[in-house]
Amino acid sequence: MTTSTTADSPPTDDPRPDGLRVARSLVVVFTGHGKGKSSAAFGTALRARARQWPVAVVQFLKSDNWVTGEQLMAEPLGMEFWSLGEGFTWNSDDLTRDEAVAQEAWRHGKALVQAGTHRLVVFDEITYPLNWGWIDASDVEATFRDRPERVSLVLTGRDAPQWMVDLADTVTEMQKVSHVYDRGVRAKKGIDY
């Protein structure tokens, strides 16, 4: 396989590897410090719903009190959607409660995976409670590794742990080049949520 391409010319040789096969399911990770992790996850979820797949979303930090654009679009399309977080940790009066809520979100998400009725389960912002030690990484890893064969997963959040990267079929790291928030501009409805 050779490719004859440069940044300013289209490829002339087929870049795909020989012997492509179909996977029963995939684990996709969107990580990094750049914007777009959740957006990419919801793009994947929209594709899955367009193919009539049962889709479930579990959000670990966003509160059900927030009304996000992704939830407003997902529910009418038949995606099951749970925002089970407590919001930004720096606004919390009780991080112990936030941790308990994250553990409950994990129990719910684990049950969704093990039931095997959804072809795609999105775990939005799961890396945060994992990295903070709020949910048991070994349980999460085993659940994802031993999932029913037709259940695909999309996992998002900064600083994906190495075991998650190793388990994943596809990993994309979003790199921040610049972000308007760094210039003092609040998140914008319709762009950020």
Protein backbone atom coordinates (compact mmCIF):
# COMPACT_ATOMS: atom_id res chain seq x y z
CA MET A 1 0.00 0.00 0.00
CA THR A 2 1.54 3.26 -1.07
CA THR A 3 -0.01 6.65 -1.01
CA SER A 4 1.03 9.47 -3.24
CA THR A 5 -0.50 12.47 -1.57
CA THR A 6 0.53 15.76 -0.10
CA ALA A 7 -1.46 18.34 1.79
CA ASP A 8 -2.25 20.16 -1.44
CA SER A 9 -3.11 17.22 -3.68
CA PRO A 10 -5.70 14.46 -3.43
CA PRO A 11 -4.65 10.83 -2.87
CA THR A 12 -4.20 8.82 -6.03
CA ASP A 13 -3.69 5.43 -4.39
CA ASP A 14 -6.27 3.69 -2.22
CA PRO A 15 -5.03 4.21 1.38
CA ARG A 16 -7.19 1.50 2.91
CA PRO A 17 -5.49 -1.65 4.21
CA ASP A 18 -6.06 -4.98 2.49
CA GLY A 19 -8.45 -7.50 4.03
CA LEU A 20 -10.94 -5.11 5.62
CA ARG A 21 -13.56 -6.89 7.73
CA VAL A 22 -16.72 -5.94 9.60
CA ALA A 23 -16.59 -5.68 13.39
CA ARG A 24 -19.56 -6.77 15.51
CA SER A 25 -19.05 -3.72 17.73
CA LEU A 26 -16.49 -1.01 18.42
CA VAL A 27 -15.19 1.09 21.29
CA VAL A 28 -14.53 4.69 20.26
CA VAL A 29 -12.79 7.19 22.54
CA PHE A 30 -12.80 10.97 22.11
CA THR A 31 -10.31 12.52 24.51
CA GLY A 32 -7.91 15.44 24.79
CA HIS A 33 -8.09 19.04 25.95
CA GLY A 34 -9.64 20.45 22.77
CA LYS A 35 -13.31 21.17 22.11
CA GLY A 36 -15.42 18.62 20.28
CA LYS A 37 -15.34 15.39 22.30
CA SER A 38 -19.04 15.34 23.16
CA SER A 39 -19.94 16.85 19.78
CA ALA A 40 -18.16 13.98 18.03
CA ALA A 41 -19.89 11.46 20.29
CA PHE A 42 -23.31 12.89 19.48
CA GLY A 43 -22.50 12.90 15.77
CA THR A 44 -21.85 9.18 16.08
CA ALA A 45 -25.08 8.72 18.05
CA LEU A 46 -27.04 10.52 15.31
CA ARG A 47 -25.57 8.18 12.69
CA ALA A 48 -26.54 5.18 14.78
CA ARG A 49 -30.13 6.41 15.20
CA ALA A 50 -30.34 7.11 11.46
CA ARG A 51 -29.61 3.38 11.04
CA GLN A 52 -32.43 2.58 13.50
CA TRP A 53 -30.05 1.46 16.24
CA PRO A 54 -31.29 1.69 19.82
CA VAL A 55 -29.05 4.37 21.40
CA ALA A 56 -28.56 5.32 25.05
CA VAL A 57 -26.60 8.26 26.47
CA VAL A 58 -25.31 8.59 30.02
CA GLN A 59 -23.78 11.95 30.96
CA PHE A 60 -21.61 11.97 34.06
CA LEU A 61 -21.14 15.67 34.80
CA LYS A 62 -24.04 17.47 33.16
CA SER A 63 -27.01 17.82 35.47
CA ASP A 64 -30.56 16.94 34.51
CA ASN A 65 -31.36 20.53 35.52
CA TRP A 66 -29.41 21.71 32.47
CA VAL A 67 -31.21 21.69 29.16
CA THR A 68 -28.59 20.95 26.53
CA GLY A 69 -29.00 21.08 22.78
CA GLU A 70 -27.90 17.47 22.47
CA GLN A 71 -30.65 16.29 24.81
CA LEU A 72 -33.26 18.44 23.04
CA MET A 73 -32.36 16.73 19.74
CA ALA A 74 -31.73 13.22 21.06
CA GLU A 75 -35.00 12.56 22.82
CA PRO A 76 -37.34 13.31 19.86
CA LEU A 77 -35.15 10.99 17.75
CA GLY A 78 -35.77 8.14 20.19
CA MET A 79 -32.45 8.11 22.02
CA GLU A 80 -32.66 7.27 25.69
CA PHE A 81 -30.89 10.05 27.56
CA TRP A 82 -29.76 10.40 31.16
CA SER A 83 -27.93 13.46 32.51
CA LEU A 84 -26.97 12.02 35.87
CA GLY A 85 -24.27 14.41 37.08
CA GLU A 86 -24.31 17.20 39.59
CA GLY A 87 -22.73 19.83 37.38
CA PHE A 88 -19.37 21.57 37.70
CA THR A 89 -17.42 20.31 40.71
CA TRP A 90 -16.25 23.83 41.55
CA ASN A 91 -19.90 24.79 42.16
CA SER A 92 -20.52 21.82 44.46
CA ASP A 93 -21.38 22.21 48.12
CA ASP A 94 -20.74 18.51 48.72
CA LEU A 95 -18.30 16.55 46.54
CA THR A 96 -19.23 13.39 48.46
CA ARG A 97 -22.72 13.71 47.01
CA ASP A 98 -21.27 14.31 43.55
CA GLU A 99 -19.25 11.12 43.91
CA ALA A 100 -22.33 9.14 45.00
CA VAL A 101 -24.26 10.50 42.01
CA ALA A 102 -21.41 9.45 39.68
CA GLN A 103 -21.49 5.95 41.17
CA GLU A 104 -25.23 5.75 40.55
CA ALA A 105 -24.71 6.94 36.96
CA TRP A 106 -22.14 4.16 36.51
CA ARG A 107 -24.53 1.52 37.92
CA HIS A 108 -27.16 2.70 35.45
CA GLY A 109 -24.72 2.74 32.52
CA LYS A 110 -23.34 -0.68 33.43
CA ALA A 111 -26.86 -2.12 33.46
CA LEU A 112 -27.52 -0.61 30.01
CA VAL A 113 -24.39 -2.25 28.59
CA GLN A 114 -24.99 -5.63 30.19
CA ALA A 115 -28.64 -5.73 29.07
CA GLY A 116 -27.41 -5.64 25.48
CA THR A 117 -30.54 -3.97 24.11
CA HIS A 118 -28.77 -0.82 22.87
CA ARG A 119 -26.45 -1.10 19.89
CA LEU A 120 -24.70 2.09 20.99
CA VAL A 121 -24.14 3.45 24.48
CA VAL A 122 -22.48 6.85 24.86
CA PHE A 123 -20.67 7.52 28.14
CA ASP A 124 -20.19 11.28 28.01
CA GLU A 125 -17.50 12.67 30.32
CA ILE A 126 -16.81 9.29 31.92
CA THR A 127 -13.06 9.93 32.18
CA TYR A 128 -13.54 12.51 34.94
CA PRO A 129 -15.13 10.29 37.63
CA LEU A 130 -12.73 7.52 36.58
CA ASN A 131 -9.66 9.69 37.02
CA TRP A 132 -10.92 11.12 40.31
CA GLY A 133 -11.42 7.59 41.69
CA TRP A 134 -15.16 8.10 42.06
CA ILE A 135 -16.03 4.95 40.11
CA ASP A 136 -14.13 1.65 40.10
CA ALA A 137 -11.90 1.61 37.03
CA SER A 138 -11.49 -2.18 37.12
CA ASP A 139 -15.28 -2.64 37.07
CA VAL A 140 -15.66 -0.17 34.20
CA GLU A 141 -12.86 -1.81 32.22
CA ALA A 142 -14.28 -5.31 32.73
CA THR A 143 -17.80 -4.18 31.79
CA PHE A 144 -16.57 -2.54 28.61
CA ARG A 145 -14.27 -5.43 27.68
CA ASP A 146 -16.90 -8.14 28.36
CA ARG A 147 -19.86 -6.28 26.83
CA PRO A 148 -22.38 -8.11 24.63
CA GLU A 149 -20.88 -8.52 21.17
CA ARG A 150 -23.27 -6.12 19.38
CA VAL A 151 -22.95 -3.24 21.87
CA SER A 152 -20.70 -0.44 20.66
CA LEU A 153 -19.45 2.23 23.05
CA VAL A 154 -18.45 5.87 22.68
CA LEU A 155 -16.46 7.25 25.61
CA THR A 156 -15.57 10.91 26.12
CA GLY A 157 -13.55 13.13 28.41
CA ARG A 158 -10.09 14.54 28.92
CA ASP A 159 -7.16 12.38 29.93
CA ALA A 160 -8.52 8.96 28.95
CA PRO A 161 -6.75 6.37 31.13
CA GLN A 162 -4.27 4.10 29.38
CA TRP A 163 -6.43 0.97 29.82
CA MET A 164 -9.25 2.77 27.95
CA VAL A 165 -6.93 3.76 25.11
CA ASP A 166 -5.65 0.17 24.92
CA LEU A 167 -9.20 -1.28 24.92
CA ALA A 168 -10.51 1.11 22.28
CA ASP A 169 -10.70 0.34 18.59
CA THR A 170 -10.51 4.02 17.65
CA VAL A 171 -9.07 6.87 19.73
CA THR A 172 -9.14 10.50 18.70
CA GLU A 173 -7.38 13.14 20.77
CA MET A 174 -8.82 16.62 20.41
CA GLN A 175 -6.04 19.20 20.64
CA LYS A 176 -6.80 22.73 21.76
CA VAL A 177 -5.28 25.31 19.44
CA SER A 178 -7.33 28.16 20.92
CA HIS A 179 -10.62 28.49 22.77
CA VAL A 180 -12.79 31.55 23.17
CA TYR A 181 -13.29 30.73 26.88
CA ASP A 182 -9.61 31.61 27.44
CA ARG A 183 -10.51 35.14 26.30
CA GLY A 184 -13.28 35.45 28.87
CA VAL A 185 -16.27 34.46 26.70
CA ARG A 186 -18.93 32.23 28.27
CA ALA A 187 -20.14 28.98 26.69
CA LYS A 188 -22.60 29.78 23.91
CA LYS A 189 -25.98 28.12 23.66
CA GLY A 190 -26.22 26.35 20.30
CA ILE A 191 -22.43 26.03 19.96
CA ASP A 192 -21.26 24.67 23.32
CA TYR A 193 -24.47 23.22 24.76
